[in-house]
Protein backbone atom coordinates (compact mmCIF):
# COMPACT_ATOMS: atom_id res chain seq x y z
CA MET A 1 91.79 110.68 110.58
CA LYS A 2 88.39 110.92 108.90
CA VAL A 3 86.70 107.78 107.58
CA ASP A 4 85.13 108.39 104.16
CA PHE A 5 82.15 106.09 104.74
CA VAL A 6 81.10 107.82 107.97
CA HIS A 7 81.75 111.24 106.44
CA VAL A 8 79.61 110.48 103.37
CA SER A 9 76.82 108.98 105.46
CA MET A 10 76.74 112.01 107.75
CA ASP A 11 76.67 114.34 104.74
CA ALA A 12 73.78 112.35 103.31
CA ILE A 13 71.87 112.62 106.57
CA LEU A 14 72.61 116.27 107.16
CA ASN A 15 72.17 117.47 103.59
CA GLY A 16 69.28 115.21 102.60
CA GLY A 17 71.29 113.42 99.92
CA ASP A 18 70.71 109.91 98.68
CA PRO A 19 72.71 107.55 100.94
CA MET A 20 72.61 104.71 98.39
CA ALA A 21 74.10 106.98 95.73
CA ASN A 22 76.90 107.83 98.14
CA ILE A 23 77.54 104.14 98.83
CA ARG A 24 77.62 103.41 95.09
CA ASN A 25 80.12 106.23 94.64
CA LEU A 26 82.31 104.80 97.40
CA ILE A 27 82.20 101.35 95.78
CA ARG A 28 83.18 102.85 92.42
CA LYS A 29 85.97 104.86 94.05
CA HIS A 30 87.44 101.86 95.90
CA TYR A 31 86.48 99.11 93.43
CA ASP A 32 90.06 97.84 92.97
CA VAL A 33 90.63 97.42 96.71
CA LEU A 34 87.25 95.75 97.25
CA ALA A 35 87.80 93.35 94.33
CA TYR A 36 91.28 92.50 95.61
CA LEU A 37 89.91 91.76 99.09
CA PHE A 38 86.95 89.74 97.78
CA PHE A 39 89.03 87.51 95.52
CA GLY A 40 91.74 87.14 98.16
CA VAL A 41 89.15 85.81 100.60
CA LEU A 42 87.68 83.60 97.87
CA THR A 43 91.12 82.13 97.08
CA THR A 44 91.72 81.42 100.77
CA ALA A 45 88.30 79.76 101.05
CA VAL A 46 89.04 77.55 98.03
CA ASN A 47 92.34 76.58 99.61
CA TYR A 48 90.62 75.44 102.82
CA ILE A 49 87.71 73.80 100.97
CA VAL A 50 90.13 71.67 98.96
CA TYR A 51 92.68 71.03 101.74
CA LEU A 52 90.29 69.76 104.41
CA PRO A 53 88.64 66.98 102.35
CA CYS A 54 92.01 65.90 100.94
CA TYR A 55 93.48 65.63 104.42
CA ASN A 56 90.46 64.31 106.36
CA LEU A 57 88.51 62.23 103.83
CA LEU A 58 91.15 61.06 101.37
CA HIS A 59 93.75 60.68 104.15
CA LEU A 60 96.50 62.30 102.11
CA SER A 61 99.46 63.67 104.01
CA ALA A 62 99.36 67.30 105.08
CA ALA A 63 102.07 68.21 102.58
CA VAL A 64 100.30 66.57 99.63
CA SER A 65 96.94 68.05 100.67
CA ASN A 66 98.54 71.47 100.90
CA VAL A 67 100.10 71.17 97.42
CA VAL A 68 96.77 70.08 95.89
CA ALA A 69 94.92 72.92 97.63
CA TRP A 70 97.58 75.42 96.55
CA ILE A 71 97.24 74.30 92.92
CA PHE A 72 93.47 74.81 93.04
CA ALA A 73 93.88 78.24 94.62
CA VAL A 74 96.45 79.33 92.04
CA VAL A 75 94.26 78.10 89.17
CA LEU A 76 91.38 80.16 90.59
CA ASP A 77 93.64 83.20 90.84
CA ILE A 78 94.80 82.76 87.23
CA LEU A 79 91.20 82.42 86.02
CA VAL A 80 90.17 85.57 87.89
CA ARG A 81 93.08 87.54 86.45
CA PHE A 82 92.35 86.19 82.96
CA MET A 83 88.74 87.39 83.19
CA GLU A 84 89.77 90.99 84.01
């Protein structure tokens, strides 16, 4: 199995091409996957950032803290999808 990133980088080195142009092309080619991964990680981070203070500082139960964090994460996801 050939990895596109390594293949493109080797072509750029061997053929004297512009490596940054090749990276930009890869980002354009896989933009949907990269955006999905980025916002998935961001949603998970928001979930933890909301859950931990609710549980540790506000002393809410784990279930209530989880529901509050889930609501924040879902609202973020809806806002991201609305902005597309």
